[in-house]
Amino acid sequence: DELIEALDGVDYLGIRSKTDVTAKVLEARPALKA
């Protein structure tokens, strides 16, 4: 839920090993490009 909120208006996401980018996150932020 924190990630979904933080991705508002974001085009590109950078993570390391501890952040899970789930289907729910991707569905909530369809504008994410990479």
All heavy atoms as atom14 arrays in JSON, in Angstrom:
{
  "sequence": "DELIEALDGVDYLGIRSKTDVTAKVLEARPALKA",
  "atom14_mask": [
    [1, 1, 1, 1, 1, 1, 1, 1, 0, 0, 0, 0, 0, 0],
    [1, 1, 1, 1, 1, 1, 1, 1, 1, 0, 0, 0, 0, 0],
    [1, 1, 1, 1, 1, 1, 1, 1, 0, 0, 0, 0, 0, 0],
    [1, 1, 1, 1, 1, 1, 1, 1, 0, 0, 0, 0, 0, 0],
    [1, 1, 1, 1, 1, 1, 1, 1, 1, 0, 0, 0, 0, 0],
    [1, 1, 1, 1, 1, 0, 0, 0, 0, 0, 0, 0, 0, 0],
    [1, 1, 1, 1, 1, 1, 1, 1, 0, 0, 0, 0, 0, 0],
    [1, 1, 1, 1, 1, 1, 1, 1, 0, 0, 0, 0, 0, 0],
    [1, 1, 1, 1, 0, 0, 0, 0, 0, 0, 0, 0, 0, 0],
    [1, 1, 1, 1, 1, 1, 1, 0, 0, 0, 0, 0, 0, 0],
    [1, 1, 1, 1, 1, 1, 1, 1, 0, 0, 0, 0, 0, 0],
    [1, 1, 1, 1, 1, 1, 1, 1, 1, 1, 1, 1, 0, 0],
    [1, 1, 1, 1, 1, 1, 1, 1, 0, 0, 0, 0, 0, 0],
    [1, 1, 1, 1, 0, 0, 0, 0, 0, 0, 0, 0, 0, 0],
    [1, 1, 1, 1, 1, 1, 1, 1, 0, 0, 0, 0, 0, 0],
    [1, 1, 1, 1, 1, 1, 1, 1, 1, 1, 1, 0, 0, 0],
    [1, 1, 1, 1, 1, 1, 0, 0, 0, 0, 0, 0, 0, 0],
    [1, 1, 1, 1, 1, 1, 1, 1, 1, 0, 0, 0, 0, 0],
    [1, 1, 1, 1, 1, 1, 1, 0, 0, 0, 0, 0, 0, 0],
    [1, 1, 1, 1, 1, 1, 1, 1, 0, 0, 0, 0, 0, 0],
    [1, 1, 1, 1, 1, 1, 1, 0, 0, 0, 0, 0, 0, 0],
    [1, 1, 1, 1, 1, 1, 1, 0, 0, 0, 0, 0, 0, 0],
    [1, 1, 1, 1, 1, 0, 0, 0, 0, 0, 0, 0, 0, 0],
    [1, 1, 1, 1, 1, 1, 1, 1, 1, 0, 0, 0, 0, 0],
    [1, 1, 1, 1, 1, 1, 1, 0, 0, 0, 0, 0, 0, 0],
    [1, 1, 1, 1, 1, 1, 1, 1, 0, 0, 0, 0, 0, 0],
    [1, 1, 1, 1, 1, 1, 1, 1, 1, 0, 0, 0, 0, 0],
    [1, 1, 1, 1, 1, 0, 0, 0, 0, 0, 0, 0, 0, 0],
    [1, 1, 1, 1, 1, 1, 1, 1, 1, 1, 1, 0, 0, 0],
    [1, 1, 1, 1, 1, 1, 1, 0, 0, 0, 0, 0, 0, 0],
    [1, 1, 1, 1, 1, 0, 0, 0, 0, 0, 0, 0, 0, 0],
    [1, 1, 1, 1, 1, 1, 1, 1, 0, 0, 0, 0, 0, 0],
    [1, 1, 1, 1, 1, 1, 1, 1, 1, 0, 0, 0, 0, 0],
    [1, 1, 1, 1, 1, 0, 0, 0, 0, 0, 0, 0, 0, 0]
  ],
  "atom14_positions": [
    [[0.82, -1.21, 0.0], [0.0, 0.0, 0.0], [0.86, 1.26, 0.0], [0.51, 2.26, -0.67], [-0.95, 0.01, 1.21], [-2.02, -1.05, 1.1], [-2.37, -1.43, -0.04], [-2.52, -1.52, 2.15], [0.0, 0.0, 0.0], [0.0, 0.0, 0.0], [0.0, 0.0, 0.0], [0.0, 0.0, 0.0], [0.0, 0.0, 0.0], [0.0, 0.0, 0.0]],
    [[1.96, 1.24, 0.74], [2.87, 2.38, 0.75], [3.46, 2.62, -0.63], [3.6, 3.77, -1.08], [3.99, 2.14, 1.76], [3.56, 2.15, 3.21], [4.68, 1.71, 4.14], [5.56, 0.94, 3.7], [4.67, 2.12, 5.32], [0.0, 0.0, 0.0], [0.0, 0.0, 0.0], [0.0, 0.0, 0.0], [0.0, 0.0, 0.0], [0.0, 0.0, 0.0]],
    [[3.79, 1.54, -1.32], [4.37, 1.66, -2.65], [3.37, 2.23, -3.64], [3.72, 3.09, -4.47], [4.88, 0.29, -3.11], [5.59, 0.25, -4.47], [6.76, 1.22, -4.51], [6.05, -1.17, -4.78], [0.0, 0.0, 0.0], [0.0, 0.0, 0.0], [0.0, 0.0, 0.0], [0.0, 0.0, 0.0], [0.0, 0.0, 0.0], [0.0, 0.0, 0.0]],
    [[2.14, 1.78, -3.57], [1.11, 2.3, -4.47], [0.97, 3.81, -4.29], [0.91, 4.58, -5.26], [-0.24, 1.59, -4.21], [-0.15, 0.13, -4.7], [-1.38, 2.32, -4.92], [-1.35, -0.7, -4.33], [0.0, 0.0, 0.0], [0.0, 0.0, 0.0], [0.0, 0.0, 0.0], [0.0, 0.0, 0.0], [0.0, 0.0, 0.0], [0.0, 0.0, 0.0]],
    [[0.95, 4.25, -3.05], [0.82, 5.68, -2.78], [2.05, 6.45, -3.29], [1.92, 7.52, -3.9], [0.65, 5.91, -1.28], [0.45, 7.37, -0.9], [0.24, 7.57, 0.58], [0.12, 6.56, 1.31], [0.18, 8.75, 1.02], [0.0, 0.0, 0.0], [0.0, 0.0, 0.0], [0.0, 0.0, 0.0], [0.0, 0.0, 0.0], [0.0, 0.0, 0.0]],
    [[3.23, 5.89, -3.05], [4.46, 6.59, -3.44], [4.63, 6.68, -4.95], [5.33, 7.57, -5.45], [5.66, 5.89, -2.83], [0.0, 0.0, 0.0], [0.0, 0.0, 0.0], [0.0, 0.0, 0.0], [0.0, 0.0, 0.0], [0.0, 0.0, 0.0], [0.0, 0.0, 0.0], [0.0, 0.0, 0.0], [0.0, 0.0, 0.0], [0.0, 0.0, 0.0]],
    [[4.0, 5.78, -5.7], [4.16, 5.75, -7.15], [3.23, 6.71, -7.9], [3.25, 6.75, -9.13], [3.93, 4.32, -7.68], [5.08, 3.34, -7.44], [4.67, 1.93, -7.86], [6.33, 3.77, -8.18], [0.0, 0.0, 0.0], [0.0, 0.0, 0.0], [0.0, 0.0, 0.0], [0.0, 0.0, 0.0], [0.0, 0.0, 0.0], [0.0, 0.0, 0.0]],
    [[2.47, 7.48, -7.17], [1.58, 8.46, -7.82], [2.42, 9.46, -8.63], [3.27, 10.16, -8.08], [0.76, 9.2, -6.76], [-0.27, 10.14, -7.37], [-0.63, 9.94, -8.55], [-0.71, 11.06, -6.67], [0.0, 0.0, 0.0], [0.0, 0.0, 0.0], [0.0, 0.0, 0.0], [0.0, 0.0, 0.0], [0.0, 0.0, 0.0], [0.0, 0.0, 0.0]],
    [[2.21, 9.5, -9.93], [2.92, 10.43, -10.78], [4.34, 10.0, -11.14], [5.1, 10.78, -11.72], [0.0, 0.0, 0.0], [0.0, 0.0, 0.0], [0.0, 0.0, 0.0], [0.0, 0.0, 0.0], [0.0, 0.0, 0.0], [0.0, 0.0, 0.0], [0.0, 0.0, 0.0], [0.0, 0.0, 0.0], [0.0, 0.0, 0.0], [0.0, 0.0, 0.0]],
    [[4.71, 8.75, -10.83], [6.06, 8.25, -11.08], [6.1, 7.46, -12.39], [5.21, 6.65, -12.66], [6.54, 7.37, -9.92], [7.83, 6.64, -10.27], [6.74, 8.22, -8.67], [0.0, 0.0, 0.0], [0.0, 0.0, 0.0], [0.0, 0.0, 0.0], [0.0, 0.0, 0.0], [0.0, 0.0, 0.0], [0.0, 0.0, 0.0], [0.0, 0.0, 0.0]],
    [[7.12, 7.7, -13.2], [7.29, 7.0, -14.48], [8.17, 5.76, -14.35], [7.95, 4.76, -15.01], [7.91, 7.94, -15.51], [7.09, 9.19, -15.72], [6.09, 9.11, -16.44], [7.45, 10.24, -15.14], [0.0, 0.0, 0.0], [0.0, 0.0, 0.0], [0.0, 0.0, 0.0], [0.0, 0.0, 0.0], [0.0, 0.0, 0.0], [0.0, 0.0, 0.0]],
    [[9.23, 5.87, -13.5], [10.2, 4.79, -13.38], [10.45, 4.48, -11.91], [10.6, 5.38, -11.09], [11.51, 5.18, -14.06], [11.33, 5.49, -15.53], [11.4, 6.8, -16.01], [11.05, 4.47, -16.44], [11.2, 7.08, -17.35], [10.85, 4.75, -17.78], [10.92, 6.05, -18.23], [10.72, 6.32, -19.56], [0.0, 0.0, 0.0], [0.0, 0.0, 0.0]],
    [[10.52, 3.18, -11.6], [10.73, 2.72, -10.23], [12.06, 1.99, -10.14], [12.36, 1.12, -10.98], [9.61, 1.78, -9.8], [9.79, 1.04, -8.47], [9.82, 2.02, -7.3], [8.67, 0.01, -8.28], [0.0, 0.0, 0.0], [0.0, 0.0, 0.0], [0.0, 0.0, 0.0], [0.0, 0.0, 0.0], [0.0, 0.0, 0.0], [0.0, 0.0, 0.0]],
    [[12.86, 2.32, -9.13], [14.1, 1.6, -8.86], [14.05, 0.96, -7.49], [13.71, 1.62, -6.5], [0.0, 0.0, 0.0], [0.0, 0.0, 0.0], [0.0, 0.0, 0.0], [0.0, 0.0, 0.0], [0.0, 0.0, 0.0], [0.0, 0.0, 0.0], [0.0, 0.0, 0.0], [0.0, 0.0, 0.0], [0.0, 0.0, 0.0], [0.0, 0.0, 0.0]],
    [[14.35, -0.33, -7.41], [14.31, -1.07, -6.14], [15.56, -1.93, -6.01], [16.34, -2.05, -6.95], [13.06, -1.98, -6.06], [13.11, -3.02, -7.19], [11.79, -1.16, -6.12], [12.06, -4.09, -7.09], [0.0, 0.0, 0.0], [0.0, 0.0, 0.0], [0.0, 0.0, 0.0], [0.0, 0.0, 0.0], [0.0, 0.0, 0.0], [0.0, 0.0, 0.0]],
    [[15.71, -2.54, -4.85], [16.71, -3.58, -4.68], [15.96, -4.88, -4.34], [15.0, -5.2, -5.01], [17.74, -3.15, -3.64], [18.57, -1.95, -4.13], [19.58, -1.45, -3.12], [20.7, -2.36, -2.99], [21.68, -2.18, -2.13], [21.66, -1.14, -1.3], [22.67, -3.02, -2.07], [0.0, 0.0, 0.0], [0.0, 0.0, 0.0], [0.0, 0.0, 0.0]],
    [[16.37, -5.58, -3.32], [15.83, -6.94, -3.13], [14.64, -7.03, -2.17], [13.96, -8.05, -2.14], [16.94, -7.87, -2.63], [17.49, -7.39, -1.41], [0.0, 0.0, 0.0], [0.0, 0.0, 0.0], [0.0, 0.0, 0.0], [0.0, 0.0, 0.0], [0.0, 0.0, 0.0], [0.0, 0.0, 0.0], [0.0, 0.0, 0.0], [0.0, 0.0, 0.0]],
    [[14.38, -5.98, -1.4], [13.38, -6.12, -0.33], [12.01, -5.54, -0.66], [11.07, -5.71, 0.11], [13.91, -5.47, 0.96], [15.1, -6.19, 1.55], [15.54, -5.55, 2.85], [16.66, -6.35, 3.5], [17.87, -6.4, 2.67], [0.0, 0.0, 0.0], [0.0, 0.0, 0.0], [0.0, 0.0, 0.0], [0.0, 0.0, 0.0], [0.0, 0.0, 0.0]],
    [[11.87, -4.86, -1.77], [10.58, -4.29, -2.16], [9.88, -5.23, -3.13], [10.43, -5.55, -4.19], [10.77, -2.91, -2.81], [11.38, -2.02, -1.88], [9.43, -2.34, -3.25], [0.0, 0.0, 0.0], [0.0, 0.0, 0.0], [0.0, 0.0, 0.0], [0.0, 0.0, 0.0], [0.0, 0.0, 0.0], [0.0, 0.0, 0.0], [0.0, 0.0, 0.0]],
    [[8.67, -5.66, -2.78], [7.89, -6.53, -3.66], [6.99, -5.68, -4.55], [6.15, -4.91, -4.06], [7.04, -7.5, -2.84], [7.88, -8.54, -2.12], [8.91, -8.95, -2.69], [7.52, -8.94, -1.0], [0.0, 0.0, 0.0], [0.0, 0.0, 0.0], [0.0, 0.0, 0.0], [0.0, 0.0, 0.0], [0.0, 0.0, 0.0], [0.0, 0.0, 0.0]],
    [[7.16, -5.85, -5.85], [6.3, -5.16, -6.81], [5.28, -6.17, -7.3], [5.54, -6.97, -8.2], [7.12, -4.57, -7.98], [6.22, -3.75, -8.89], [8.26, -3.71, -7.46], [0.0, 0.0, 0.0], [0.0, 0.0, 0.0], [0.0, 0.0, 0.0], [0.0, 0.0, 0.0], [0.0, 0.0, 0.0], [0.0, 0.0, 0.0], [0.0, 0.0, 0.0]],
    [[4.11, -6.13, -6.7], [3.08, -7.15, -6.92], [2.14, -6.75, -8.05], [2.15, -5.62, -8.54], [2.27, -7.36, -5.65], [1.57, -6.12, -5.35], [3.16, -7.71, -4.46], [0.0, 0.0, 0.0], [0.0, 0.0, 0.0], [0.0, 0.0, 0.0], [0.0, 0.0, 0.0], [0.0, 0.0, 0.0], [0.0, 0.0, 0.0], [0.0, 0.0, 0.0]],
    [[1.28, -7.7, -8.42], [0.26, -7.42, -9.44], [-0.66, -6.3, -8.98], [-1.09, -5.47, -9.8], [-0.54, -8.7, -9.72], [0.0, 0.0, 0.0], [0.0, 0.0, 0.0], [0.0, 0.0, 0.0], [0.0, 0.0, 0.0], [0.0, 0.0, 0.0], [0.0, 0.0, 0.0], [0.0, 0.0, 0.0], [0.0, 0.0, 0.0], [0.0, 0.0, 0.0]],
    [[-0.95, -6.25, -7.7], [-1.81, -5.18, -7.17], [-1.17, -3.81, -7.37], [-1.85, -2.85, -7.75], [-2.08, -5.42, -5.68], [-2.94, -4.35, -5.02], [-3.14, -4.65, -3.54], [-3.91, -3.52, -2.85], [-4.09, -3.79, -1.4], [0.0, 0.0, 0.0], [0.0, 0.0, 0.0], [0.0, 0.0, 0.0], [0.0, 0.0, 0.0], [0.0, 0.0, 0.0]],
    [[0.13, -3.73, -7.13], [0.85, -2.46, -7.33], [0.81, -2.05, -8.79], [0.51, -0.9, -9.14], [2.31, -2.59, -6.85], [3.12, -1.37, -7.26], [2.37, -2.78, -5.34], [0.0, 0.0, 0.0], [0.0, 0.0, 0.0], [0.0, 0.0, 0.0], [0.0, 0.0, 0.0], [0.0, 0.0, 0.0], [0.0, 0.0, 0.0], [0.0, 0.0, 0.0]],
    [[1.09, -3.0, -9.69], [1.14, -2.69, -11.11], [-0.24, -2.32, -11.66], [-0.37, -1.46, -12.53], [1.71, -3.89, -11.87], [3.15, -4.26, -11.48], [3.56, -5.56, -12.16], [4.11, -3.14, -11.85], [0.0, 0.0, 0.0], [0.0, 0.0, 0.0], [0.0, 0.0, 0.0], [0.0, 0.0, 0.0], [0.0, 0.0, 0.0], [0.0, 0.0, 0.0]],
    [[-1.26, -2.97, -11.14], [-2.62, -2.65, -11.57], [-3.02, -1.25, -11.11], [-3.7, -0.51, -11.83], [-3.6, -3.68, -11.01], [-5.05, -3.44, -11.43], [-6.0, -4.47, -10.84], [-5.55, -5.33, -10.05], [-7.2, -4.41, -11.2], [0.0, 0.0, 0.0], [0.0, 0.0, 0.0], [0.0, 0.0, 0.0], [0.0, 0.0, 0.0], [0.0, 0.0, 0.0]],
    [[-2.57, -0.88, -9.92], [-2.93, 0.43, -9.37], [-2.2, 1.58, -10.04], [-2.67, 2.72, -10.02], [-2.66, 0.45, -7.86], [0.0, 0.0, 0.0], [0.0, 0.0, 0.0], [0.0, 0.0, 0.0], [0.0, 0.0, 0.0], [0.0, 0.0, 0.0], [0.0, 0.0, 0.0], [0.0, 0.0, 0.0], [0.0, 0.0, 0.0], [0.0, 0.0, 0.0]],
    [[-1.03, 1.31, -10.62], [-0.23, 2.36, -11.25], [0.12, 1.99, -12.69], [1.25, 1.7, -13.05], [1.06, 2.58, -10.44], [0.82, 3.13, -9.04], [0.07, 4.44, -9.09], [-0.18, 5.0, -7.75], [-1.07, 5.94, -7.51], [-1.81, 6.41, -8.52], [-1.23, 6.41, -6.29], [0.0, 0.0, 0.0], [0.0, 0.0, 0.0], [0.0, 0.0, 0.0]],
    [[-0.89, 2.01, -13.59], [-0.67, 1.6, -14.98], [0.24, 2.54, -15.77], [0.71, 2.17, -16.84], [-2.1, 1.59, -15.57], [-2.87, 2.55, -14.71], [-2.29, 2.4, -13.33], [0.0, 0.0, 0.0], [0.0, 0.0, 0.0], [0.0, 0.0, 0.0], [0.0, 0.0, 0.0], [0.0, 0.0, 0.0], [0.0, 0.0, 0.0], [0.0, 0.0, 0.0]],
    [[0.49, 3.74, -15.26], [1.36, 4.69, -15.97], [2.83, 4.36, -15.81], [3.68, 4.93, -16.51], [1.08, 6.11, -15.48], [0.0, 0.0, 0.0], [0.0, 0.0, 0.0], [0.0, 0.0, 0.0], [0.0, 0.0, 0.0], [0.0, 0.0, 0.0], [0.0, 0.0, 0.0], [0.0, 0.0, 0.0], [0.0, 0.0, 0.0], [0.0, 0.0, 0.0]],
    [[3.16, 3.45, -14.91], [4.56, 3.07, -14.71], [5.12, 2.47, -16.0], [4.52, 1.6, -16.61], [4.66, 2.04, -13.58], [6.05, 1.73, -13.02], [6.66, 2.96, -12.37], [5.96, 0.57, -12.02], [0.0, 0.0, 0.0], [0.0, 0.0, 0.0], [0.0, 0.0, 0.0], [0.0, 0.0, 0.0], [0.0, 0.0, 0.0], [0.0, 0.0, 0.0]],
    [[6.31, 2.95, -16.41], [6.87, 2.54, -17.71], [7.96, 1.48, -17.59], [8.1, 0.64, -18.48], [7.44, 3.76, -18.42], [6.39, 4.83, -18.74], [7.05, 6.07, -19.31], [6.02, 7.17, -19.57], [6.67, 8.42, -20.05], [0.0, 0.0, 0.0], [0.0, 0.0, 0.0], [0.0, 0.0, 0.0], [0.0, 0.0, 0.0], [0.0, 0.0, 0.0]],
    [[8.75, 1.55, -16.55], [9.84, 0.59, -16.39], [10.23, 0.46, -14.93], [10.01, 1.38, -14.13], [11.07, 1.0, -17.22], [0.0, 0.0, 0.0], [0.0, 0.0, 0.0], [0.0, 0.0, 0.0], [0.0, 0.0, 0.0], [0.0, 0.0, 0.0], [0.0, 0.0, 0.0], [0.0, 0.0, 0.0], [0.0, 0.0, 0.0], [0.0, 0.0, 0.0]]
  ]
}
